[in-house]
Amino acid sequence: MSRTAVNSSNVRSIGYDAWSATLEVEFHSRSVYQHYDVPADLYDRFMNAGSKGRFYYSNLRNRYGCRRVG
């Protein structure tokens, strides 16, 4: 999945596949996680959030099924 680099002290890049509703997040540590069944509007809000790290921990982590892929 292709990801877009973002300006964040915690998150390096974010990708989203609308067909499968899969969100992929790469952190500066190079860890990559895929989250499943994420609505497109939540992805949009994530991309527009002032603090990507805060948004991730408040709205995505432990709320959607995920697995580490990298």
PDB file of N, CA and C in Angstrom:
ATOM      1  N   MET A   1       0.860  -1.178   0.000  1.00  0.00           N
ATOM      2  CA  MET A   1       0.000   0.000   0.000  1.00  0.00           C
ATOM      3  C   MET A   1       0.899   1.231   0.000  1.00  0.00           C
ATOM      4  N   SER A   2       0.562   2.189  -0.804  1.00  0.00           N
ATOM      5  CA  SER A   2       1.363   3.409  -0.809  1.00  0.00           C
ATOM      6  C   SER A   2       0.910   4.300   0.344  1.00  0.00           C
ATOM      7  N   ARG A   3       1.876   4.983   0.927  1.00  0.00           N
ATOM      8  CA  ARG A   3       1.598   5.864   2.055  1.00  0.00           C
ATOM      9  C   ARG A   3       2.069   7.270   1.720  1.00  0.00           C
ATOM     10  N   THR A   4       1.467   8.229   2.383  1.00  0.00           N
ATOM     11  CA  THR A   4       1.826   9.629   2.234  1.00  0.00           C
ATOM     12  C   THR A   4       2.607  10.074   3.461  1.00  0.00           C
ATOM     13  N   ALA A   5       3.766  10.690   3.242  1.00  0.00           N
ATOM     14  CA  ALA A   5       4.545  11.225   4.354  1.00  0.00           C
ATOM     15  C   ALA A   5       3.758  12.350   5.018  1.00  0.00           C
ATOM     16  N   VAL A   6       3.821  12.394   6.342  1.00  0.00           N
ATOM     17  CA  VAL A   6       3.108  13.432   7.087  1.00  0.00           C
ATOM     18  C   VAL A   6       4.078  14.151   8.014  1.00  0.00           C
ATOM     19  N   ASN A   7       3.703  15.349   8.393  1.00  0.00           N
ATOM     20  CA  ASN A   7       4.506  16.157   9.300  1.00  0.00           C
ATOM     21  C   ASN A   7       4.071  15.832  10.727  1.00  0.00           C
ATOM     22  N   SER A   8       4.842  15.006  11.402  1.00  0.00           N
ATOM     23  CA  SER A   8       4.500  14.572  12.749  1.00  0.00           C
ATOM     24  C   SER A   8       5.759  14.117  13.461  1.00  0.00           C
ATOM     25  N   SER A   9       5.805  14.326  14.766  1.00  0.00           N
ATOM     26  CA  SER A   9       6.966  13.869  15.534  1.00  0.00           C
ATOM     27  C   SER A   9       6.884  12.381  15.833  1.00  0.00           C
ATOM     28  N   ASN A  10       5.726  11.773  15.629  1.00  0.00           N
ATOM     29  CA  ASN A  10       5.513  10.365  15.964  1.00  0.00           C
ATOM     30  C   ASN A  10       5.224   9.498  14.735  1.00  0.00           C
ATOM     31  N   VAL A  11       4.397   9.998  13.842  1.00  0.00           N
ATOM     32  CA  VAL A  11       3.953   9.246  12.666  1.00  0.00           C
ATOM     33  C   VAL A  11       4.761   9.694  11.448  1.00  0.00           C
ATOM     34  N   ARG A  12       5.294   8.722  10.707  1.00  0.00           N
ATOM     35  CA  ARG A  12       6.101   9.027   9.520  1.00  0.00           C
ATOM     36  C   ARG A  12       5.247   9.111   8.258  1.00  0.00           C
ATOM     37  N   SER A  13       4.323   8.140   8.081  1.00  0.00           N
ATOM     38  CA  SER A  13       3.490   8.126   6.878  1.00  0.00           C
ATOM     39  C   SER A  13       2.188   7.382   7.146  1.00  0.00           C
ATOM     40  N   ILE A  14       1.190   7.686   6.312  1.00  0.00           N
ATOM     41  CA  ILE A  14      -0.149   7.112   6.455  1.00  0.00           C
ATOM     42  C   ILE A  14      -0.656   6.713   5.082  1.00  0.00           C
ATOM     43  N   GLY A  15      -1.259   5.533   5.009  1.00  0.00           N
ATOM     44  CA  GLY A  15      -1.877   5.075   3.771  1.00  0.00           C
ATOM     45  C   GLY A  15      -3.269   4.546   4.052  1.00  0.00           C
ATOM     46  N   TYR A  16      -4.104   4.526   3.014  1.00  0.00           N
ATOM     47  CA  TYR A  16      -5.475   4.037   3.183  1.00  0.00           C
ATOM     48  C   TYR A  16      -5.931   3.384   1.893  1.00  0.00           C
ATOM     49  N   ASP A  17      -6.507   2.197   2.039  1.00  0.00           N
ATOM     50  CA  ASP A  17      -7.097   1.494   0.907  1.00  0.00           C
ATOM     51  C   ASP A  17      -8.609   1.501   1.104  1.00  0.00           C
ATOM     52  N   ALA A  18      -9.317   2.294   0.309  1.00  0.00           N
ATOM     53  CA  ALA A  18     -10.768   2.440   0.473  1.00  0.00           C
ATOM     54  C   ALA A  18     -11.517   1.151   0.178  1.00  0.00           C
ATOM     55  N   TRP A  19     -11.028   0.367  -0.762  1.00  0.00           N
ATOM     56  CA  TRP A  19     -11.713  -0.873  -1.129  1.00  0.00           C
ATOM     57  C   TRP A  19     -11.801  -1.837   0.048  1.00  0.00           C
ATOM     58  N   SER A  20     -10.711  -1.973   0.798  1.00  0.00           N
ATOM     59  CA  SER A  20     -10.700  -2.894   1.939  1.00  0.00           C
ATOM     60  C   SER A  20     -10.860  -2.183   3.281  1.00  0.00           C
ATOM     61  N   ALA A  21     -10.957  -0.845   3.266  1.00  0.00           N
ATOM     62  CA  ALA A  21     -11.066  -0.032   4.483  1.00  0.00           C
ATOM     63  C   ALA A  21      -9.908  -0.315   5.436  1.00  0.00           C
ATOM     64  N   THR A  22      -8.697  -0.435   4.842  1.00  0.00           N
ATOM     65  CA  THR A  22      -7.503  -0.708   5.631  1.00  0.00           C
ATOM     66  C   THR A  22      -6.654   0.550   5.728  1.00  0.00           C
ATOM     67  N   LEU A  23      -6.301   0.896   6.949  1.00  0.00           N
ATOM     68  CA  LEU A  23      -5.442   2.044   7.232  1.00  0.00           C
ATOM     69  C   LEU A  23      -4.069   1.519   7.619  1.00  0.00           C
ATOM     70  N   GLU A  24      -3.032   2.084   7.026  1.00  0.00           N
ATOM     71  CA  GLU A  24      -1.669   1.669   7.347  1.00  0.00           C
ATOM     72  C   GLU A  24      -0.917   2.870   7.901  1.00  0.00           C
ATOM     73  N   VAL A  25      -0.274   2.666   9.043  1.00  0.00           N
ATOM     74  CA  VAL A  25       0.440   3.745   9.724  1.00  0.00           C
ATOM     75  C   VAL A  25       1.884   3.320   9.951  1.00  0.00           C
ATOM     76  N   GLU A  26       2.806   4.158   9.489  1.00  0.00           N
ATOM     77  CA  GLU A  26       4.225   3.927   9.746  1.00  0.00           C
ATOM     78  C   GLU A  26       4.702   4.971  10.750  1.00  0.00           C
ATOM     79  N   PHE A  27       5.369   4.500  11.774  1.00  0.00           N
ATOM     80  CA  PHE A  27       5.912   5.391  12.796  1.00  0.00           C
ATOM     81  C   PHE A  27       7.381   5.682  12.501  1.00  0.00           C
ATOM     82  N   HIS A  28       7.936   6.697  13.132  1.00  0.00           N
ATOM     83  CA  HIS A  28       9.339   7.037  12.915  1.00  0.00           C
ATOM     84  C   HIS A  28      10.273   5.903  13.344  1.00  0.00           C
ATOM     85  N   SER A  29       9.804   5.024  14.202  1.00  0.00           N
ATOM     86  CA  SER A  29      10.592   3.852  14.614  1.00  0.00           C
ATOM     87  C   SER A  29      10.669   2.814  13.496  1.00  0.00           C
ATOM     88  N   ARG A  30       9.962   3.059  12.393  1.00  0.00           N
ATOM     89  CA  ARG A  30       9.845   2.174  11.221  1.00  0.00           C
ATOM     90  C   ARG A  30       8.848   1.038  11.432  1.00  0.00           C
ATOM     91  N   SER A  31       8.181   0.993  12.569  1.00  0.00           N
ATOM     92  CA  SER A  31       7.106   0.019  12.780  1.00  0.00           C
ATOM     93  C   SER A  31       5.927   0.414  11.905  1.00  0.00           C
ATOM     94  N   VAL A  32       5.283  -0.582  11.290  1.00  0.00           N
ATOM     95  CA  VAL A  32       4.134  -0.338  10.430  1.00  0.00           C
ATOM     96  C   VAL A  32       2.977  -1.199  10.930  1.00  0.00           C
ATOM     97  N   TYR A  33       1.817  -0.568  11.089  1.00  0.00           N
ATOM     98  CA  TYR A  33       0.621  -1.269  11.541  1.00  0.00           C
ATOM     99  C   TYR A  33      -0.502  -1.062  10.532  1.00  0.00           C
ATOM    100  N   GLN A  34      -1.260  -2.121  10.293  1.00  0.00           N
ATOM    101  CA  GLN A  34      -2.469  -2.037   9.478  1.00  0.00           C
ATOM    102  C   GLN A  34      -3.674  -2.193  10.389  1.00  0.00           C
ATOM    103  N   HIS A  35      -4.623  -1.291  10.225  1.00  0.00           N
ATOM    104  CA  HIS A  35      -5.878  -1.322  10.978  1.00  0.00           C
ATOM    105  C   HIS A  35      -7.004  -1.611   9.992  1.00  0.00           C
ATOM    106  N   TYR A  36      -7.942  -2.438  10.425  1.00  0.00           N
ATOM    107  CA  TYR A  36      -8.999  -2.931   9.537  1.00  0.00           C
ATOM    108  C   TYR A  36     -10.362  -2.322   9.852  1.00  0.00           C
ATOM    109  N   ASP A  37     -11.190  -2.230   8.810  1.00  0.00           N
ATOM    110  CA  ASP A  37     -12.561  -1.703   8.923  1.00  0.00           C
ATOM    111  C   ASP A  37     -12.592  -0.256   9.410  1.00  0.00           C
ATOM    112  N   VAL A  38     -11.634   0.524   8.950  1.00  0.00           N
ATOM    113  CA  VAL A  38     -11.556   1.939   9.322  1.00  0.00           C
ATOM    114  C   VAL A  38     -12.356   2.757   8.309  1.00  0.00           C
ATOM    115  N   PRO A  39     -13.344   3.509   8.761  1.00  0.00           N
ATOM    116  CA  PRO A  39     -14.143   4.320   7.835  1.00  0.00           C
ATOM    117  C   PRO A  39     -13.295   5.402   7.140  1.00  0.00           C
ATOM    118  N   ALA A  40     -13.648   5.695   5.912  1.00  0.00           N
ATOM    119  CA  ALA A  40     -12.912   6.693   5.133  1.00  0.00           C
ATOM    120  C   ALA A  40     -12.915   8.062   5.810  1.00  0.00           C
ATOM    121  N   ASP A  41     -14.011   8.429   6.453  1.00  0.00           N
ATOM    122  CA  ASP A  41     -14.049   9.744   7.097  1.00  0.00           C
ATOM    123  C   ASP A  41     -13.071   9.819   8.272  1.00  0.00           C
ATOM    124  N   LEU A  42     -12.816   8.704   8.939  1.00  0.00           N
ATOM    125  CA  LEU A  42     -11.840   8.693  10.026  1.00  0.00           C
ATOM    126  C   LEU A  42     -10.426   8.871   9.468  1.00  0.00           C
ATOM    127  N   TYR A  43     -10.149   8.230   8.342  1.00  0.00           N
ATOM    128  CA  TYR A  43      -8.864   8.438   7.660  1.00  0.00           C
ATOM    129  C   TYR A  43      -8.692   9.918   7.299  1.00  0.00           C
ATOM    130  N   ASP A  44      -9.730  10.534   6.745  1.00  0.00           N
ATOM    131  CA  ASP A  44      -9.664  11.950   6.383  1.00  0.00           C
ATOM    132  C   ASP A  44      -9.382  12.816   7.605  1.00  0.00           C
ATOM    133  N   ARG A  45     -10.053  12.519   8.706  1.00  0.00           N
ATOM    134  CA  ARG A  45      -9.837  13.278   9.944  1.00  0.00           C
ATOM    135  C   ARG A  45      -8.409  13.088  10.451  1.00  0.00           C
ATOM    136  N   PHE A  46      -7.887  11.872  10.336  1.00  0.00           N
ATOM    137  CA  PHE A  46      -6.515  11.572  10.746  1.00  0.00           C
ATOM    138  C   PHE A  46      -5.529  12.401   9.920  1.00  0.00           C
ATOM    139  N   MET A  47      -5.718  12.403   8.613  1.00  0.00           N
ATOM    140  CA  MET A  47      -4.815  13.150   7.741  1.00  0.00           C
ATOM    141  C   MET A  47      -4.851  14.652   8.022  1.00  0.00           C
ATOM    142  N   ASN A  48      -5.977  15.162   8.485  1.00  0.00           N
ATOM    143  CA  ASN A  48      -6.121  16.595   8.747  1.00  0.00           C
ATOM    144  C   ASN A  48      -5.887  16.977  10.197  1.00  0.00           C
ATOM    145  N   ALA A  49      -5.596  16.015  11.051  1.00  0.00           N
ATOM    146  CA  ALA A  49      -5.402  16.291  12.474  1.00  0.00           C
ATOM    147  C   ALA A  49      -4.130  17.109  12.697  1.00  0.00           C
ATOM    148  N   GLY A  50      -4.211  18.044  13.620  1.00  0.00           N
ATOM    149  CA  GLY A  50      -3.045  18.849  13.967  1.00  0.00           C
ATOM    150  C   GLY A  50      -1.947  18.012  14.612  1.00  0.00           C
ATOM    151  N   SER A  51      -2.342  17.047  15.423  1.00  0.00           N
ATOM    152  CA  SER A  51      -1.394  16.134  16.060  1.00  0.00           C
ATOM    153  C   SER A  51      -1.745  14.714  15.634  1.00  0.00           C
ATOM    154  N   LYS A  52      -0.957  14.167  14.711  1.00  0.00           N
ATOM    155  CA  LYS A  52      -1.223  12.812  14.207  1.00  0.00           C
ATOM    156  C   LYS A  52      -1.075  11.769  15.320  1.00  0.00           C
ATOM    157  N   GLY A  53      -0.061  11.916  16.164  1.00  0.00           N
ATOM    158  CA  GLY A  53       0.146  10.966  17.250  1.00  0.00           C
ATOM    159  C   GLY A  53      -1.009  10.967  18.229  1.00  0.00           C
ATOM    160  N   ARG A  54      -1.452  12.123  18.632  1.00  0.00           N
ATOM    161  CA  ARG A  54      -2.568  12.228  19.574  1.00  0.00           C
ATOM    162  C   ARG A  54      -3.839  11.654  18.954  1.00  0.00           C
ATOM    163  N   PHE A  55      -4.074  11.952  17.694  1.00  0.00           N
ATOM    164  CA  PHE A  55      -5.261  11.423  17.022  1.00  0.00           C
ATOM    165  C   PHE A  55      -5.201   9.900  16.957  1.00  0.00           C
ATOM    166  N   TYR A  56      -4.031   9.359  16.612  1.00  0.00           N
ATOM    167  CA  TYR A  56      -3.877   7.908  16.520  1.00  0.00           C
ATOM    168  C   TYR A  56      -4.197   7.247  17.859  1.00  0.00           C
ATOM    169  N   TYR A  57      -3.602   7.722  18.920  1.00  0.00           N
ATOM    170  CA  TYR A  57      -3.797   7.093  20.231  1.00  0.00           C
ATOM    171  C   TYR A  57      -5.208   7.300  20.777  1.00  0.00           C
ATOM    172  N   SER A  58      -5.864   8.378  20.395  1.00  0.00           N
ATOM    173  CA  SER A  58      -7.225   8.637  20.881  1.00  0.00           C
ATOM    174  C   SER A  58      -8.315   7.970  20.060  1.00  0.00           C
ATOM    175  N   ASN A  59      -8.075   7.785  18.758  1.00  0.00           N
ATOM    176  CA  ASN A  59      -9.151   7.348  17.866  1.00  0.00           C
ATOM    177  C   ASN A  59      -8.929   6.034  17.127  1.00  0.00           C
ATOM    178  N   LEU A  60      -7.702   5.544  17.100  1.00  0.00           N
ATOM    179  CA  LEU A  60      -7.423   4.345  16.304  1.00  0.00           C
ATOM    180  C   LEU A  60      -6.856   3.189  17.126  1.00  0.00           C
ATOM    181  N   ARG A  61      -5.847   3.470  17.899  1.00  0.00           N
ATOM    182  CA  ARG A  61      -5.184   2.408  18.669  1.00  0.00           C
ATOM    183  C   ARG A  61      -6.174   1.744  19.618  1.00  0.00           C
ATOM    184  N   ASN A  62      -6.190   0.438  19.600  1.00  0.00           N
ATOM    185  CA  ASN A  62      -7.071  -0.386  20.450  1.00  0.00           C
ATOM    186  C   ASN A  62      -8.560  -0.218  20.137  1.00  0.00           C
ATOM    187  N   ARG A  63      -8.895   0.417  19.026  1.00  0.00           N
ATOM    188  CA  ARG A  63     -10.304   0.569  18.641  1.00  0.00           C
ATOM    189  C   ARG A  63     -10.651  -0.202  17.375  1.00  0.00           C
ATOM    190  N   TYR A  64      -9.640  -0.520  16.586  1.00  0.00           N
ATOM    191  CA  TYR A  64      -9.832  -1.252  15.341  1.00  0.00           C
ATOM    192  C   TYR A  64      -8.857  -2.429  15.335  1.00  0.00           C
ATOM    193  N   GLY A  65      -9.297  -3.538  14.757  1.00  0.00           N
ATOM    194  CA  GLY A  65      -8.403  -4.674  14.636  1.00  0.00           C
ATOM    195  C   GLY A  65      -7.153  -4.276  13.890  1.00  0.00           C
ATOM    196  N   CYS A  66      -6.016  -4.789  14.338  1.00  0.00           N
ATOM    197  CA  CYS A  66      -4.775  -4.400  13.659  1.00  0.00           C
ATOM    198  C   CYS A  66      -3.737  -5.511  13.782  1.00  0.00           C
ATOM    199  N   ARG A  67      -2.730  -5.361  12.937  1.00  0.00           N
ATOM    200  CA  ARG A  67      -1.565  -6.248  13.026  1.00  0.00           C
ATOM    201  C   ARG A  67      -0.347  -5.467  12.610  1.00  0.00           C
ATOM    202  N   ARG A  68       0.769  -5.849  13.177  1.00  0.00           N
ATOM    203  CA  ARG A  68       2.037  -5.216  12.812  1.00  0.00           C
ATOM    204  C   ARG A  68       2.538  -5.885  11.540  1.00  0.00           C
ATOM    205  N   VAL A  69       2.902  -5.084  10.567  1.00  0.00           N
ATOM    206  CA  VAL A  69       3.357  -5.625   9.284  1.00  0.00           C
ATOM    207  C   VAL A  69       4.799  -5.241   8.978  1.00  0.00           C
ATOM    208  N   GLY A  70       5.388  -4.402   9.755  1.00  0.00           N
ATOM    209  CA  GLY A  70       6.772  -4.008   9.496  1.00  0.00           C
ATOM    210  C   GLY A  70       7.412  -3.455  10.710  1.00  0.00           C
TER     211      GLY A  70
END
